[in-house]
Amino acid sequence: TTMVPNRTEQSHLLLGIDGGGSKTAAWVVSLDSQGERLLGQGLAGSANFRAAGRERALENLDGAVDAALRAAGLKVTGGLANSNPPLQVDTAVLALAGSALPDVQAQVLDWARLRSLASHIHIVHDAEPVLMAGTPDNWGIALIAGTGSAAIGRDQTGQSVTVGGWGYWF
């Protein structure tokens, strides 16, 4: 197996995926006591099941993940056709447009498990990381206005509301 250069026993590999209506970006990051270090990134087309369709969205997720793994010097497993490779990534967070729908979450989770994406897998609405990145205390309002549109609001008690996801025409 290929190992990430300078990976120590205390480091963790994280995979972050931002999948929207136009593009999907994936990043592999090493996290340890010294901080985080970007190891690789990859891009592909839409990962939105409504915009691209299930099959195309999963192909694009595979493409972005494979490119990020290659750039990080990790073994690429070949996606859906090559199931159950050895786990390389500790945690994967998939921030995907349209992932609030239970059927989409289930299908993405099946895909992630089939390709052994990571030991721990989290699927969140694509507005979640926008809110977390822009609000130091994790409360406030975040908007996405691109190929799709969505808003998320979270108050200081942790209660949140997400609206939108109707596509570019709104």
Protein backbone atom coordinates (compact mmCIF):
# COMPACT_ATOMS: atom_id res chain seq x y z
CA THR A 1 0.00 0.00 0.00
CA THR A 2 1.04 3.56 -0.64
CA MET A 3 1.44 5.67 2.46
CA VAL A 4 1.11 9.41 2.72
CA PRO A 5 4.56 10.96 3.17
CA ASN A 6 5.35 11.83 6.80
CA ARG A 7 2.17 10.25 8.18
CA THR A 8 2.57 9.46 11.85
CA GLU A 9 0.59 7.26 14.21
CA GLN A 10 -0.99 10.40 15.69
CA SER A 11 -2.14 11.84 12.37
CA HIS A 12 -5.59 11.32 10.92
CA LEU A 13 -6.63 11.47 7.28
CA LEU A 14 -9.80 13.38 6.56
CA LEU A 15 -11.76 13.54 3.31
CA GLY A 16 -14.00 16.54 2.73
CA ILE A 17 -16.44 16.62 -0.19
CA ASP A 18 -18.48 19.59 -1.38
CA GLY A 19 -21.00 18.32 -3.93
CA GLY A 20 -23.28 20.84 -5.59
CA GLY A 21 -25.37 21.25 -8.69
CA SER A 22 -22.44 22.31 -10.91
CA LYS A 23 -19.35 20.69 -9.46
CA THR A 24 -17.95 18.40 -6.82
CA ALA A 25 -14.72 19.17 -4.98
CA ALA A 26 -12.88 16.72 -2.73
CA TRP A 27 -9.93 17.36 -0.40
CA VAL A 28 -7.70 14.95 1.53
CA VAL A 29 -6.21 16.52 4.65
CA SER A 30 -3.80 15.20 7.26
CA LEU A 31 -4.65 16.36 10.78
CA ASP A 32 -2.30 16.02 13.72
CA SER A 33 -1.10 17.95 16.78
CA GLN A 34 0.74 20.39 14.49
CA GLY A 35 -2.44 21.29 12.61
CA GLU A 36 -3.83 20.38 9.23
CA ARG A 37 -2.07 19.90 5.92
CA LEU A 38 -3.74 19.66 2.52
CA LEU A 39 -2.49 16.55 0.74
CA GLY A 40 -4.64 16.44 -2.38
CA GLN A 41 -7.74 17.74 -4.10
CA GLY A 42 -9.96 16.66 -6.95
CA LEU A 43 -12.79 18.08 -9.04
CA ALA A 44 -15.67 16.57 -11.01
CA GLY A 45 -19.17 17.47 -12.19
CA SER A 46 -22.43 17.67 -10.24
CA ALA A 47 -23.10 15.38 -7.28
CA ASN A 48 -26.71 16.52 -6.94
CA PHE A 49 -29.03 13.57 -7.55
CA ARG A 50 -31.81 15.86 -8.86
CA ALA A 51 -29.58 17.85 -11.20
CA ALA A 52 -27.37 15.06 -12.54
CA GLY A 53 -29.31 11.88 -11.80
CA ARG A 54 -28.20 9.16 -9.37
CA GLU A 55 -25.76 7.34 -11.64
CA ARG A 56 -23.99 10.46 -12.91
CA ALA A 57 -23.85 11.99 -9.41
CA LEU A 58 -22.16 8.86 -8.01
CA GLU A 59 -19.73 8.78 -10.98
CA ASN A 60 -18.82 12.39 -10.22
CA LEU A 61 -18.32 11.61 -6.53
CA ASP A 62 -16.01 8.77 -7.57
CA GLY A 63 -14.12 11.07 -9.93
CA ALA A 64 -13.53 13.82 -7.38
CA VAL A 65 -12.55 11.35 -4.62
CA ASP A 66 -10.22 9.39 -6.91
CA ALA A 67 -8.47 12.58 -8.06
CA ALA A 68 -7.99 13.77 -4.46
CA LEU A 69 -6.65 10.37 -3.36
CA ARG A 70 -4.23 10.26 -6.31
CA ALA A 71 -2.99 13.77 -5.56
CA ALA A 72 -2.45 12.75 -1.92
CA GLY A 73 -0.41 9.71 -2.93
CA LEU A 74 -3.03 7.24 -1.75
CA LYS A 75 -4.26 4.14 -3.52
CA VAL A 76 -7.26 4.72 -5.80
CA THR A 77 -9.73 1.89 -5.57
CA GLY A 78 -11.60 2.45 -8.81
CA GLY A 79 -14.96 3.41 -7.34
CA LEU A 80 -18.09 1.27 -7.46
CA ALA A 81 -16.57 -1.45 -9.63
CA ASN A 82 -13.91 -2.30 -7.04
CA SER A 83 -15.63 -2.83 -3.70
CA ASN A 84 -14.13 -3.41 -0.27
CA PRO A 85 -10.62 -1.97 -0.64
CA PRO A 86 -8.61 -1.37 2.52
CA LEU A 87 -9.64 1.76 4.42
CA GLN A 88 -7.20 4.64 4.07
CA VAL A 89 -9.22 7.60 5.35
CA ASP A 90 -10.31 7.95 8.97
CA THR A 91 -13.27 10.32 8.51
CA ALA A 92 -15.18 11.54 5.47
CA VAL A 93 -17.64 14.44 5.53
CA LEU A 94 -19.83 14.72 2.47
CA ALA A 95 -21.58 18.08 2.20
CA LEU A 96 -24.01 17.45 -0.64
CA ALA A 97 -26.77 19.48 -2.23
CA GLY A 98 -30.03 17.56 -1.91
CA SER A 99 -28.70 15.27 0.81
CA ALA A 100 -31.41 16.25 3.27
CA LEU A 101 -33.68 13.75 1.53
CA PRO A 102 -33.59 10.38 3.35
CA ASP A 103 -33.50 8.33 0.13
CA VAL A 104 -30.53 10.33 -1.17
CA GLN A 105 -28.69 9.94 2.15
CA ALA A 106 -29.27 6.18 2.07
CA GLN A 107 -27.99 5.85 -1.51
CA VAL A 108 -24.91 7.98 -0.83
CA LEU A 109 -24.18 6.00 2.34
CA ASP A 110 -24.50 2.73 0.38
CA TRP A 111 -22.04 4.10 -2.22
CA ALA A 112 -19.60 5.24 0.50
CA ARG A 113 -19.72 1.88 2.27
CA LEU A 114 -19.38 -0.09 -0.97
CA ARG A 115 -16.17 1.71 -1.87
CA SER A 116 -14.96 1.66 1.77
CA LEU A 117 -14.65 5.43 1.70
CA ALA A 118 -13.70 5.92 5.35
CA SER A 119 -13.99 4.48 8.85
CA HIS A 120 -16.45 7.24 9.80
CA ILE A 121 -18.85 8.78 7.28
CA HIS A 122 -20.95 11.89 7.78
CA ILE A 123 -23.43 13.15 5.17
CA VAL A 124 -24.65 16.70 5.70
CA HIS A 125 -26.55 19.36 3.78
CA ASP A 126 -24.15 21.49 1.75
CA ALA A 127 -25.12 24.59 3.75
CA GLU A 128 -23.76 23.09 7.01
CA PRO A 129 -20.06 23.74 6.29
CA VAL A 130 -20.89 27.27 5.12
CA LEU A 131 -22.52 27.97 8.48
CA MET A 132 -19.67 26.36 10.43
CA ALA A 133 -16.96 28.19 8.49
CA GLY A 134 -18.65 31.57 8.80
CA THR A 135 -19.81 31.49 12.39
CA PRO A 136 -17.23 30.95 15.14
CA ASP A 137 -19.85 29.82 17.65
CA ASN A 138 -21.81 27.70 15.11
CA TRP A 139 -24.94 29.82 15.18
CA GLY A 140 -26.21 32.35 12.68
CA ILE A 141 -27.42 32.26 9.08
CA ALA A 142 -25.72 30.92 5.96
CA LEU A 143 -26.88 31.24 2.36
CA ILE A 144 -25.99 29.31 -0.76
CA ALA A 145 -26.79 31.06 -4.03
CA GLY A 146 -25.25 29.27 -6.99
CA THR A 147 -26.59 26.55 -9.22
CA GLY A 148 -28.97 25.88 -6.34
CA SER A 149 -30.16 27.97 -3.44
CA ALA A 150 -30.55 27.19 0.24
CA ALA A 151 -30.47 28.90 3.61
CA ILE A 152 -29.70 27.50 7.03
CA GLY A 153 -30.25 29.22 10.33
CA ARG A 154 -29.17 27.98 13.75
CA ASP A 155 -29.82 29.69 17.06
CA GLN A 156 -27.66 29.70 20.17
CA THR A 157 -29.48 26.65 21.60
CA GLY A 158 -28.58 24.55 18.55
CA GLN A 159 -32.02 24.47 16.94
CA SER A 160 -31.77 24.87 13.18
CA VAL A 161 -33.94 25.28 10.12
CA THR A 162 -32.89 24.66 6.53
CA VAL A 163 -34.99 25.91 3.61
CA GLY A 164 -34.50 26.01 -0.12
CA GLY A 165 -32.87 23.54 -2.40
CA TRP A 166 -35.23 24.37 -5.24
CA GLY A 167 -32.57 24.99 -7.85
CA TYR A 168 -31.24 27.98 -9.68
CA TRP A 169 -34.65 29.37 -10.72
CA PHE A 170 -35.29 30.53 -7.16
